[in-house]
Amino acid sequence: MSLINFDCPECGHNLEVDEGGAGFIVKCPECGNPLQIPELPKSRRMRKIAGAVATLLAILLLLAINLVLWSRAQNLHRQVAELQPLNEILQRAQAMNMEQEAEIDRLKKELSAIQMPDVDALGQAAQAALEEAERLARELGTTRQRLLENSADDRTKLLRTHMGELVQAAKNGLPVAPIVTDVAPGLGVQGRKIVFPVLPGPDGQVLRQNAEVAGIDGDKVSVMFVGGTATYSLSELHPGVAAYLPVDPLMALARPRWKSEVFRVHQTLLAAEDQRIAQLRGAIEAHLPAAAE
């Protein structure tokens, strides 16, 4: 059980209440002053919604399991029906009669122990649960959208996570991996000498050859090469370059693109959630025709 901890503004008395009381007005047990229990933070409300979605998905999984068990019970019914015509033959074969009857009794007991579900009601419940899951997913998506619109920290966190994954994945796309060696303290970049045999641009084009990283300042990377030096923004380099540098992966994306990219990533996450729910719907509906037989 989660608690809300707050102080009485009148006497300073500390109170703890269950989070279900958020927004209600109570009296301070110390001074009797009426005070309002603080609302839950947006992040906690979002976690509660996410928990509800997870619970619904678990219920849907149980419904799918029940449908599978019902299908197996149908197979057992058919097995019993196939064994019934053998009774006349088993009566004339006394040596086999006892064994076959015992087997039939065993199957009957297994069938009687299985509670046959109301297929129509089960299908309707599954459809209703899916619709509720879709509704909650839409509500969660709307909540996330509002959080991203109102919180620069949330936008930065989402985009940094996305760019970190993109930068790590881009390592394999470098034309040639850099040569990294340890050097004495005060030399190189944080005690490492980093040389790119080929320093590529965003699309893999060759910018410099045998470029040694001389320094990093924010999103600026200074390199030395035969014939001179040059400075590039991280967004002017291949994303895989940032994977070898002690930099914020967010800097690998040009700042003017941050806003549009964060909402593109958000839409991609929503689409992935919709696809998972659609797959779950397909898995459940695949059993409904069998249930109608």
C-alpha atoms as a PDB file:
ATOM      1  CA  MET A   1       0.000   0.000   0.000  1.00  0.00           C
ATOM      2  CA  SER A   2       1.419   3.419  -1.008  1.00  0.00           C
ATOM      3  CA  LEU A   3       1.155   6.348   1.404  1.00  0.00           C
ATOM      4  CA  ILE A   4       1.053  10.121   0.982  1.00  0.00           C
ATOM      5  CA  ASN A   5       3.260  11.934   3.505  1.00  0.00           C
ATOM      6  CA  PHE A   6       2.609  15.618   4.229  1.00  0.00           C
ATOM      7  CA  ASP A   7       2.620  18.217   7.021  1.00  0.00           C
ATOM      8  CA  CYS A   8      -0.262  20.211   8.493  1.00  0.00           C
ATOM      9  CA  PRO A   9       0.254  23.821   7.308  1.00  0.00           C
ATOM     10  CA  GLU A  10      -1.212  25.087  10.600  1.00  0.00           C
ATOM     11  CA  CYS A  11       0.749  23.160  13.267  1.00  0.00           C
ATOM     12  CA  GLY A  12       3.377  21.277  11.205  1.00  0.00           C
ATOM     13  CA  HIS A  13       2.123  17.866  12.404  1.00  0.00           C
ATOM     14  CA  ASN A  14       3.253  15.110   9.988  1.00  0.00           C
ATOM     15  CA  LEU A  15       0.515  12.875   8.543  1.00  0.00           C
ATOM     16  CA  GLU A  16       0.541   9.722   6.433  1.00  0.00           C
ATOM     17  CA  VAL A  17      -2.583   8.556   4.589  1.00  0.00           C
ATOM     18  CA  ASP A  18      -3.338   5.948   1.943  1.00  0.00           C
ATOM     19  CA  GLU A  19      -2.967   7.344  -1.583  1.00  0.00           C
ATOM     20  CA  GLY A  20      -6.651   6.538  -2.189  1.00  0.00           C
ATOM     21  CA  GLY A  21      -7.502   9.595  -0.052  1.00  0.00           C
ATOM     22  CA  ALA A  22      -5.733  12.027  -2.415  1.00  0.00           C
ATOM     23  CA  GLY A  23      -7.741  15.248  -2.784  1.00  0.00           C
ATOM     24  CA  PHE A  24     -10.030  14.636   0.243  1.00  0.00           C
ATOM     25  CA  ILE A  25     -10.351  17.152   3.095  1.00  0.00           C
ATOM     26  CA  VAL A  26      -9.622  15.855   6.597  1.00  0.00           C
ATOM     27  CA  LYS A  27      -9.018  17.355  10.015  1.00  0.00           C
ATOM     28  CA  CYS A  28      -5.544  17.441  11.512  1.00  0.00           C
ATOM     29  CA  PRO A  29      -5.565  15.021  14.490  1.00  0.00           C
ATOM     30  CA  GLU A  30      -3.200  17.410  16.312  1.00  0.00           C
ATOM     31  CA  CYS A  31      -4.839  20.832  15.953  1.00  0.00           C
ATOM     32  CA  GLY A  32      -8.168  20.051  14.281  1.00  0.00           C
ATOM     33  CA  ASN A  33      -7.425  22.348  11.349  1.00  0.00           C
ATOM     34  CA  PRO A  34      -9.183  21.199   8.125  1.00  0.00           C
ATOM     35  CA  LEU A  35      -6.666  20.462   5.402  1.00  0.00           C
ATOM     36  CA  GLN A  36      -6.692  18.874   1.939  1.00  0.00           C
ATOM     37  CA  ILE A  37      -4.682  15.719   1.243  1.00  0.00           C
ATOM     38  CA  PRO A  38      -2.251  16.461  -1.649  1.00  0.00           C
ATOM     39  CA  GLU A  39      -3.019  15.075  -5.099  1.00  0.00           C
ATOM     40  CA  LEU A  40      -0.889  12.215  -6.454  1.00  0.00           C
ATOM     41  CA  PRO A  41       2.008  13.222  -8.749  1.00  0.00           C
ATOM     42  CA  LYS A  42       1.357  12.771 -12.476  1.00  0.00           C
ATOM     43  CA  SER A  43       4.103  10.156 -12.694  1.00  0.00           C
ATOM     44  CA  ARG A  44       2.441   8.014 -10.017  1.00  0.00           C
ATOM     45  CA  ARG A  45      -0.967   8.282 -11.737  1.00  0.00           C
ATOM     46  CA  MET A  46       0.664   7.148 -14.957  1.00  0.00           C
ATOM     47  CA  ARG A  47       2.244   4.180 -13.154  1.00  0.00           C
ATOM     48  CA  LYS A  48      -1.186   3.234 -11.754  1.00  0.00           C
ATOM     49  CA  ILE A  49      -2.688   3.363 -15.256  1.00  0.00           C
ATOM     50  CA  ALA A  50       0.219   1.272 -16.566  1.00  0.00           C
ATOM     51  CA  GLY A  51      -0.376  -1.211 -13.723  1.00  0.00           C
ATOM     52  CA  ALA A  52      -4.060  -1.426 -14.666  1.00  0.00           C
ATOM     53  CA  VAL A  53      -3.128  -2.153 -18.289  1.00  0.00           C
ATOM     54  CA  ALA A  54      -0.705  -4.866 -17.139  1.00  0.00           C
ATOM     55  CA  THR A  55      -3.449  -6.416 -14.955  1.00  0.00           C
ATOM     56  CA  LEU A  56      -5.885  -6.425 -17.877  1.00  0.00           C
ATOM     57  CA  LEU A  57      -3.306  -8.065 -20.111  1.00  0.00           C
ATOM     58  CA  ALA A  58      -2.800 -10.750 -17.444  1.00  0.00           C
ATOM     59  CA  ILE A  59      -6.595 -11.321 -17.347  1.00  0.00           C
ATOM     60  CA  LEU A  60      -6.641 -11.632 -21.131  1.00  0.00           C
ATOM     61  CA  LEU A  61      -3.848 -14.187 -20.936  1.00  0.00           C
ATOM     62  CA  LEU A  62      -5.901 -16.213 -18.440  1.00  0.00           C
ATOM     63  CA  LEU A  63      -8.889 -16.027 -20.790  1.00  0.00           C
ATOM     64  CA  ALA A  64      -6.729 -17.346 -23.619  1.00  0.00           C
ATOM     65  CA  ILE A  65      -5.559 -20.216 -21.384  1.00  0.00           C
ATOM     66  CA  ASN A  66      -9.192 -21.062 -20.553  1.00  0.00           C
ATOM     67  CA  LEU A  67      -9.990 -21.197 -24.256  1.00  0.00           C
ATOM     68  CA  VAL A  68      -7.092 -23.604 -24.826  1.00  0.00           C
ATOM     69  CA  LEU A  69      -8.295 -25.806 -21.948  1.00  0.00           C
ATOM     70  CA  TRP A  70     -11.798 -25.766 -23.388  1.00  0.00           C
ATOM     71  CA  SER A  71     -10.413 -26.910 -26.749  1.00  0.00           C
ATOM     72  CA  ARG A  72      -8.616 -29.785 -25.049  1.00  0.00           C
ATOM     73  CA  ALA A  73     -11.839 -30.762 -23.283  1.00  0.00           C
ATOM     74  CA  GLN A  74     -13.576 -30.899 -26.673  1.00  0.00           C
ATOM     75  CA  ASN A  75     -10.886 -33.301 -27.866  1.00  0.00           C
ATOM     76  CA  LEU A  76     -11.499 -35.497 -24.812  1.00  0.00           C
ATOM     77  CA  HIS A  77     -15.221 -35.513 -25.626  1.00  0.00           C
ATOM     78  CA  ARG A  78     -14.463 -36.720 -29.129  1.00  0.00           C
ATOM     79  CA  GLN A  79     -12.145 -39.413 -27.753  1.00  0.00           C
ATOM     80  CA  VAL A  80     -14.927 -40.715 -25.537  1.00  0.00           C
ATOM     81  CA  ALA A  81     -17.355 -40.687 -28.482  1.00  0.00           C
ATOM     82  CA  GLU A  82     -14.894 -42.715 -30.553  1.00  0.00           C
ATOM     83  CA  LEU A  83     -14.508 -45.276 -27.766  1.00  0.00           C
ATOM     84  CA  GLN A  84     -18.253 -45.871 -27.327  1.00  0.00           C
ATOM     85  CA  PRO A  85     -18.698 -48.050 -30.488  1.00  0.00           C
ATOM     86  CA  LEU A  86     -16.017 -50.374 -29.134  1.00  0.00           C
ATOM     87  CA  ASN A  87     -18.163 -51.396 -26.166  1.00  0.00           C
ATOM     88  CA  GLU A  88     -19.846 -54.242 -28.078  1.00  0.00           C
ATOM     89  CA  ILE A  89     -16.490 -55.648 -29.139  1.00  0.00           C
ATOM     90  CA  LEU A  90     -15.083 -55.241 -25.652  1.00  0.00           C
ATOM     91  CA  GLN A  91     -18.017 -57.252 -24.236  1.00  0.00           C
ATOM     92  CA  ARG A  92     -17.001 -60.249 -26.385  1.00  0.00           C
ATOM     93  CA  ALA A  93     -13.357 -59.881 -25.391  1.00  0.00           C
ATOM     94  CA  GLN A  94     -13.506 -60.472 -21.642  1.00  0.00           C
ATOM     95  CA  ALA A  95      -9.746 -60.369 -21.285  1.00  0.00           C
ATOM     96  CA  MET A  96      -9.662 -56.784 -22.582  1.00  0.00           C
ATOM     97  CA  ASN A  97     -12.961 -55.656 -21.123  1.00  0.00           C
ATOM     98  CA  MET A  98     -11.749 -54.725 -17.628  1.00  0.00           C
ATOM     99  CA  GLU A  99      -8.805 -52.685 -18.933  1.00  0.00           C
ATOM    100  CA  GLN A 100     -10.865 -50.770 -21.521  1.00  0.00           C
ATOM    101  CA  GLU A 101     -13.696 -49.997 -19.111  1.00  0.00           C
ATOM    102  CA  ALA A 102     -11.195 -48.702 -16.568  1.00  0.00           C
ATOM    103  CA  GLU A 103      -9.730 -46.434 -19.232  1.00  0.00           C
ATOM    104  CA  ILE A 104     -13.167 -45.148 -20.194  1.00  0.00           C
ATOM    105  CA  ASP A 105     -13.988 -44.491 -16.520  1.00  0.00           C
ATOM    106  CA  ARG A 106     -10.742 -42.590 -16.143  1.00  0.00           C
ATOM    107  CA  LEU A 107     -11.554 -40.394 -19.138  1.00  0.00           C
ATOM    108  CA  LYS A 108     -15.049 -39.752 -17.846  1.00  0.00           C
ATOM    109  CA  LYS A 109     -13.671 -38.692 -14.483  1.00  0.00           C
ATOM    110  CA  GLU A 110     -11.270 -36.290 -16.165  1.00  0.00           C
ATOM    111  CA  LEU A 111     -14.118 -34.820 -18.190  1.00  0.00           C
ATOM    112  CA  SER A 112     -16.369 -34.440 -15.150  1.00  0.00           C
ATOM    113  CA  ALA A 113     -13.557 -32.620 -13.333  1.00  0.00           C
ATOM    114  CA  ILE A 114     -13.283 -30.045 -16.139  1.00  0.00           C
ATOM    115  CA  GLN A 115     -15.671 -27.147 -15.805  1.00  0.00           C
ATOM    116  CA  MET A 116     -16.948 -26.434 -19.288  1.00  0.00           C
ATOM    117  CA  PRO A 117     -17.062 -22.668 -19.846  1.00  0.00           C
ATOM    118  CA  ASP A 118     -19.899 -20.786 -21.457  1.00  0.00           C
ATOM    119  CA  VAL A 119     -18.161 -20.169 -24.777  1.00  0.00           C
ATOM    120  CA  ASP A 120     -20.374 -17.265 -25.810  1.00  0.00           C
ATOM    121  CA  ALA A 121     -19.975 -15.542 -22.458  1.00  0.00           C
ATOM    122  CA  LEU A 122     -16.237 -16.199 -22.492  1.00  0.00           C
ATOM    123  CA  GLY A 123     -15.894 -14.728 -25.970  1.00  0.00           C
ATOM    124  CA  GLN A 124     -17.924 -11.659 -24.982  1.00  0.00           C
ATOM    125  CA  ALA A 125     -15.805 -11.218 -21.839  1.00  0.00           C
ATOM    126  CA  ALA A 126     -12.614 -11.478 -23.878  1.00  0.00           C
ATOM    127  CA  GLN A 127     -13.873  -8.892 -26.380  1.00  0.00           C
ATOM    128  CA  ALA A 128     -14.935  -6.549 -23.569  1.00  0.00           C
ATOM    129  CA  ALA A 129     -11.564  -6.939 -21.846  1.00  0.00           C
ATOM    130  CA  LEU A 130      -9.760  -6.174 -25.113  1.00  0.00           C
ATOM    131  CA  GLU A 131     -11.845  -3.064 -25.649  1.00  0.00           C
ATOM    132  CA  GLU A 132     -11.072  -1.924 -22.096  1.00  0.00           C
ATOM    133  CA  ALA A 133      -7.367  -2.598 -22.647  1.00  0.00           C
ATOM    134  CA  GLU A 134      -7.480  -0.533 -25.830  1.00  0.00           C
ATOM    135  CA  ARG A 135      -9.294   2.276 -24.004  1.00  0.00           C
ATOM    136  CA  LEU A 136      -6.739   2.285 -21.202  1.00  0.00           C
ATOM    137  CA  ALA A 137      -3.896   2.187 -23.730  1.00  0.00           C
ATOM    138  CA  ARG A 138      -5.358   5.263 -25.433  1.00  0.00           C
ATOM    139  CA  GLU A 139      -5.742   6.992 -22.056  1.00  0.00           C
ATOM    140  CA  LEU A 140      -2.163   6.115 -21.160  1.00  0.00           C
ATOM    141  CA  GLY A 141      -0.981   7.444 -24.517  1.00  0.00           C
ATOM    142  CA  THR A 142      -2.883  10.702 -23.954  1.00  0.00           C
ATOM    143  CA  THR A 143      -1.408  11.026 -20.459  1.00  0.00           C
ATOM    144  CA  ARG A 144       2.102  10.460 -21.797  1.00  0.00           C
ATOM    145  CA  GLN A 145       1.456  13.002 -24.546  1.00  0.00           C
ATOM    146  CA  ARG A 146       0.431  15.628 -21.981  1.00  0.00           C
ATOM    147  CA  LEU A 147       3.413  14.853 -19.789  1.00  0.00           C
ATOM    148  CA  LEU A 148       5.738  15.274 -22.751  1.00  0.00           C
ATOM    149  CA  GLU A 149       4.048  18.532 -23.755  1.00  0.00           C
ATOM    150  CA  ASN A 150       4.287  19.963 -20.218  1.00  0.00           C
ATOM    151  CA  SER A 151       7.607  18.562 -18.977  1.00  0.00           C
ATOM    152  CA  ALA A 152      10.923  19.340 -20.629  1.00  0.00           C
ATOM    153  CA  ASP A 153      12.582  16.825 -18.283  1.00  0.00           C
ATOM    154  CA  ASP A 154      10.317  14.014 -19.520  1.00  0.00           C
ATOM    155  CA  ARG A 155      10.986  14.952 -23.139  1.00  0.00           C
ATOM    156  CA  THR A 156      14.728  15.026 -22.549  1.00  0.00           C
ATOM    157  CA  LYS A 157      14.685  11.692 -20.685  1.00  0.00           C
ATOM    158  CA  LEU A 158      12.710   9.943 -23.445  1.00  0.00           C
ATOM    159  CA  LEU A 159      14.891  11.384 -26.197  1.00  0.00           C
ATOM    160  CA  ARG A 160      18.155  10.622 -24.353  1.00  0.00           C
ATOM    161  CA  THR A 161      17.121   6.978 -23.904  1.00  0.00           C
ATOM    162  CA  HIS A 162      16.182   6.714 -27.583  1.00  0.00           C
ATOM    163  CA  MET A 163      19.414   8.336 -28.773  1.00  0.00           C
ATOM    164  CA  GLY A 164      21.477   6.120 -26.448  1.00  0.00           C
ATOM    165  CA  GLU A 165      19.981   3.035 -28.109  1.00  0.00           C
ATOM    166  CA  LEU A 166      20.440   4.541 -31.589  1.00  0.00           C
ATOM    167  CA  VAL A 167      24.085   5.481 -30.922  1.00  0.00           C
ATOM    168  CA  GLN A 168      24.955   2.008 -29.624  1.00  0.00           C
ATOM    169  CA  ALA A 169      23.232   0.352 -32.585  1.00  0.00           C
ATOM    170  CA  ALA A 170      25.098   2.660 -34.998  1.00  0.00           C
ATOM    171  CA  LYS A 171      28.507   1.383 -33.822  1.00  0.00           C
ATOM    172  CA  ASN A 172      28.257  -1.481 -36.308  1.00  0.00           C
ATOM    173  CA  GLY A 173      27.640   0.994 -39.127  1.00  0.00           C
ATOM    174  CA  LEU A 174      31.015   2.705 -38.864  1.00  0.00           C
ATOM    175  CA  PRO A 175      33.265   2.135 -41.900  1.00  0.00           C
ATOM    176  CA  VAL A 176      36.154   1.252 -39.562  1.00  0.00           C
ATOM    177  CA  ALA A 177      36.143   0.932 -35.785  1.00  0.00           C
ATOM    178  CA  PRO A 178      38.316   3.498 -33.967  1.00  0.00           C
ATOM    179  CA  ILE A 179      41.613   2.577 -32.324  1.00  0.00           C
ATOM    180  CA  VAL A 180      41.349   3.245 -28.574  1.00  0.00           C
ATOM    181  CA  THR A 181      44.416   3.033 -26.319  1.00  0.00           C
ATOM    182  CA  ASP A 182      45.080   4.068 -22.726  1.00  0.00           C
ATOM    183  CA  VAL A 183      47.449   7.002 -22.177  1.00  0.00           C
ATOM    184  CA  ALA A 184      48.892   8.827 -19.186  1.00  0.00           C
ATOM    185  CA  PRO A 185      46.535  11.007 -17.107  1.00  0.00           C
ATOM    186  CA  GLY A 186      46.076  14.439 -18.639  1.00  0.00           C
ATOM    187  CA  LEU A 187      46.607  13.147 -22.162  1.00  0.00           C
ATOM    188  CA  GLY A 188      44.060  12.190 -24.757  1.00  0.00           C
ATOM    189  CA  VAL A 189      40.381  12.259 -23.737  1.00  0.00           C
ATOM    190  CA  GLN A 190      39.886  11.150 -20.140  1.00  0.00           C
ATOM    191  CA  GLY A 191      43.020   9.011 -20.289  1.00  0.00           C
ATOM    192  CA  ARG A 192      42.270   7.473 -23.688  1.00  0.00           C
ATOM    193  CA  LYS A 193      43.713   8.125 -27.122  1.00  0.00           C
ATOM    194  CA  ILE A 194      40.930   7.747 -29.716  1.00  0.00           C
ATOM    195  CA  VAL A 195      41.879   7.616 -33.405  1.00  0.00           C
ATOM    196  CA  PHE A 196      39.327   7.167 -36.181  1.00  0.00           C
ATOM    197  CA  PRO A 197      41.056   5.682 -39.276  1.00  0.00           C
ATOM    198  CA  VAL A 198      37.987   6.997 -41.109  1.00  0.00           C
ATOM    199  CA  LEU A 199      35.925   9.784 -39.534  1.00  0.00           C
ATOM    200  CA  PRO A 200      32.488   9.511 -41.209  1.00  0.00           C
ATOM    201  CA  GLY A 201      29.725  12.057 -41.590  1.00  0.00           C
ATOM    202  CA  PRO A 202      26.027  11.402 -40.835  1.00  0.00           C
ATOM    203  CA  ASP A 203      25.552   9.370 -44.008  1.00  0.00           C
ATOM    204  CA  GLY A 204      28.897   7.556 -43.789  1.00  0.00           C
ATOM    205  CA  GLN A 205      30.778   9.908 -46.090  1.00  0.00           C
ATOM    206  CA  VAL A 206      34.491  10.290 -45.336  1.00  0.00           C
ATOM    207  CA  LEU A 207      35.248  13.581 -43.560  1.00  0.00           C
ATOM    208  CA  ARG A 208      38.822  12.896 -42.388  1.00  0.00           C
ATOM    209  CA  GLN A 209      41.275  10.045 -42.246  1.00  0.00           C
ATOM    210  CA  ASN A 210      43.384   9.100 -39.204  1.00  0.00           C
ATOM    211  CA  ALA A 211      41.589  11.705 -37.123  1.00  0.00           C
ATOM    212  CA  GLU A 212      42.629  11.770 -33.461  1.00  0.00           C
ATOM    213  CA  VAL A 213      40.136  13.210 -30.971  1.00  0.00           C
ATOM    214  CA  ALA A 214      41.885  16.199 -29.406  1.00  0.00           C
ATOM    215  CA  GLY A 215      39.104  17.492 -27.167  1.00  0.00           C
ATOM    216  CA  ILE A 216      35.352  17.567 -26.477  1.00  0.00           C
ATOM    217  CA  ASP A 217      33.362  20.620 -25.421  1.00  0.00           C
ATOM    218  CA  GLY A 218      29.619  19.993 -25.115  1.00  0.00           C
ATOM    219  CA  ASP A 219      28.551  18.811 -28.561  1.00  0.00           C
ATOM    220  CA  LYS A 220      31.785  19.979 -30.226  1.00  0.00           C
ATOM    221  CA  VAL A 221      34.494  17.440 -31.099  1.00  0.00           C
ATOM    222  CA  SER A 222      37.969  18.673 -32.059  1.00  0.00           C
ATOM    223  CA  VAL A 223      40.141  16.324 -34.123  1.00  0.00           C
ATOM    224  CA  MET A 224      43.744  16.408 -35.305  1.00  0.00           C
ATOM    225  CA  PHE A 225      44.841  14.927 -38.619  1.00  0.00           C
ATOM    226  CA  VAL A 226      47.787  15.172 -40.965  1.00  0.00           C
ATOM    227  CA  GLY A 227      47.781  18.728 -42.164  1.00  0.00           C
ATOM    228  CA  GLY A 228      45.696  20.443 -39.483  1.00  0.00           C
ATOM    229  CA  THR A 229      42.763  20.364 -37.063  1.00  0.00           C
ATOM    230  CA  ALA A 230      38.993  20.616 -37.383  1.00  0.00           C
ATOM    231  CA  THR A 231      35.977  20.909 -35.104  1.00  0.00           C
ATOM    232  CA  TYR A 232      32.642  19.183 -35.735  1.00  0.00           C
ATOM    233  CA  SER A 233      29.316  19.106 -33.974  1.00  0.00           C
ATOM    234  CA  LEU A 234      28.314  15.585 -32.943  1.00  0.00           C
ATOM    235  CA  SER A 235      25.260  15.930 -35.184  1.00  0.00           C
ATOM    236  CA  GLU A 236      27.633  16.453 -38.137  1.00  0.00           C
ATOM    237  CA  LEU A 237      29.223  13.041 -37.512  1.00  0.00           C
ATOM    238  CA  HIS A 238      28.007   9.487 -37.875  1.00  0.00           C
ATOM    239  CA  PRO A 239      25.939   8.527 -34.764  1.00  0.00           C
ATOM    240  CA  GLY A 240      28.280   5.577 -34.129  1.00  0.00           C
ATOM    241  CA  VAL A 241      31.139   8.017 -33.401  1.00  0.00           C
ATOM    242  CA  ALA A 242      29.385   9.151 -30.197  1.00  0.00           C
ATOM    243  CA  ALA A 243      29.416   5.556 -28.895  1.00  0.00           C
ATOM    244  CA  TYR A 244      33.187   5.812 -28.387  1.00  0.00           C
ATOM    245  CA  LEU A 245      33.227   9.290 -26.848  1.00  0.00           C
ATOM    246  CA  PRO A 246      32.419  10.407 -23.276  1.00  0.00           C
ATOM    247  CA  VAL A 247      29.446  12.496 -24.390  1.00  0.00           C
ATOM    248  CA  ASP A 248      25.700  12.708 -23.849  1.00  0.00           C
ATOM    249  CA  PRO A 249      24.177  10.650 -26.712  1.00  0.00           C
ATOM    250  CA  LEU A 250      21.477  13.312 -26.963  1.00  0.00           C
ATOM    251  CA  MET A 251      24.092  15.609 -28.506  1.00  0.00           C
ATOM    252  CA  ALA A 252      24.263  13.341 -31.567  1.00  0.00           C
ATOM    253  CA  LEU A 253      20.916  14.816 -32.653  1.00  0.00           C
ATOM    254  CA  ALA A 254      20.764  18.411 -33.868  1.00  0.00           C
ATOM    255  CA  ARG A 255      18.919  20.551 -31.316  1.00  0.00           C
ATOM    256  CA  PRO A 256      16.316  21.915 -33.813  1.00  0.00           C
ATOM    257  CA  ARG A 257      15.172  18.315 -34.348  1.00  0.00           C
ATOM    258  CA  TRP A 258      14.672  17.486 -30.643  1.00  0.00           C
ATOM    259  CA  LYS A 259      11.006  18.474 -30.406  1.00  0.00           C
ATOM    260  CA  SER A 260       9.859  16.700 -33.570  1.00  0.00           C
ATOM    261  CA  GLU A 261      11.964  13.615 -32.808  1.00  0.00           C
ATOM    262  CA  VAL A 262      10.666  13.180 -29.255  1.00  0.00           C
ATOM    263  CA  PHE A 263       7.064  13.117 -30.471  1.00  0.00           C
ATOM    264  CA  ARG A 264       7.983  10.790 -33.339  1.00  0.00           C
ATOM    265  CA  VAL A 265       9.500   8.387 -30.780  1.00  0.00           C
ATOM    266  CA  HIS A 266       6.358   8.729 -28.652  1.00  0.00           C
ATOM    267  CA  GLN A 267       4.147   7.845 -31.626  1.00  0.00           C
ATOM    268  CA  THR A 268       6.379   4.853 -32.394  1.00  0.00           C
ATOM    269  CA  LEU A 269       5.948   3.578 -28.815  1.00  0.00           C
ATOM    270  CA  LEU A 270       2.167   4.005 -29.073  1.00  0.00           C
ATOM    271  CA  ALA A 271       2.126   2.090 -32.367  1.00  0.00           C
ATOM    272  CA  ALA A 272       4.127  -0.750 -30.768  1.00  0.00           C
ATOM    273  CA  GLU A 273       1.613  -0.958 -27.895  1.00  0.00           C
ATOM    274  CA  ASP A 274      -1.296  -1.012 -30.368  1.00  0.00           C
ATOM    275  CA  GLN A 275       0.414  -3.829 -32.278  1.00  0.00           C
ATOM    276  CA  ARG A 276       0.863  -5.899 -29.091  1.00  0.00           C
ATOM    277  CA  ILE A 277      -2.834  -5.510 -28.240  1.00  0.00           C
ATOM    278  CA  ALA A 278      -3.793  -6.407 -31.832  1.00  0.00           C
ATOM    279  CA  GLN A 279      -1.646  -9.550 -31.614  1.00  0.00           C
ATOM    280  CA  LEU A 280      -3.367 -10.486 -28.353  1.00  0.00           C
ATOM    281  CA  ARG A 281      -6.766  -9.936 -29.986  1.00  0.00           C
ATOM    282  CA  GLY A 282      -5.771 -12.187 -32.875  1.00  0.00           C
ATOM    283  CA  ALA A 283      -4.538 -14.911 -30.509  1.00  0.00           C
ATOM    284  CA  ILE A 284      -7.857 -14.914 -28.620  1.00  0.00           C
ATOM    285  CA  GLU A 285     -10.097 -14.668 -31.690  1.00  0.00           C
ATOM    286  CA  ALA A 286      -8.224 -17.594 -33.246  1.00  0.00           C
ATOM    287  CA  HIS A 287      -9.866 -19.841 -30.630  1.00  0.00           C
ATOM    288  CA  LEU A 288     -13.388 -18.479 -31.011  1.00  0.00           C
ATOM    289  CA  PRO A 289     -14.276 -20.470 -34.203  1.00  0.00           C
ATOM    290  CA  ALA A 290     -13.264 -23.697 -32.435  1.00  0.00           C
ATOM    291  CA  ALA A 291     -15.452 -22.714 -29.502  1.00  0.00           C
ATOM    292  CA  ALA A 292     -18.447 -22.290 -31.835  1.00  0.00           C
ATOM    293  CA  GLU A 293     -18.210 -25.847 -33.193  1.00  0.00           C
END
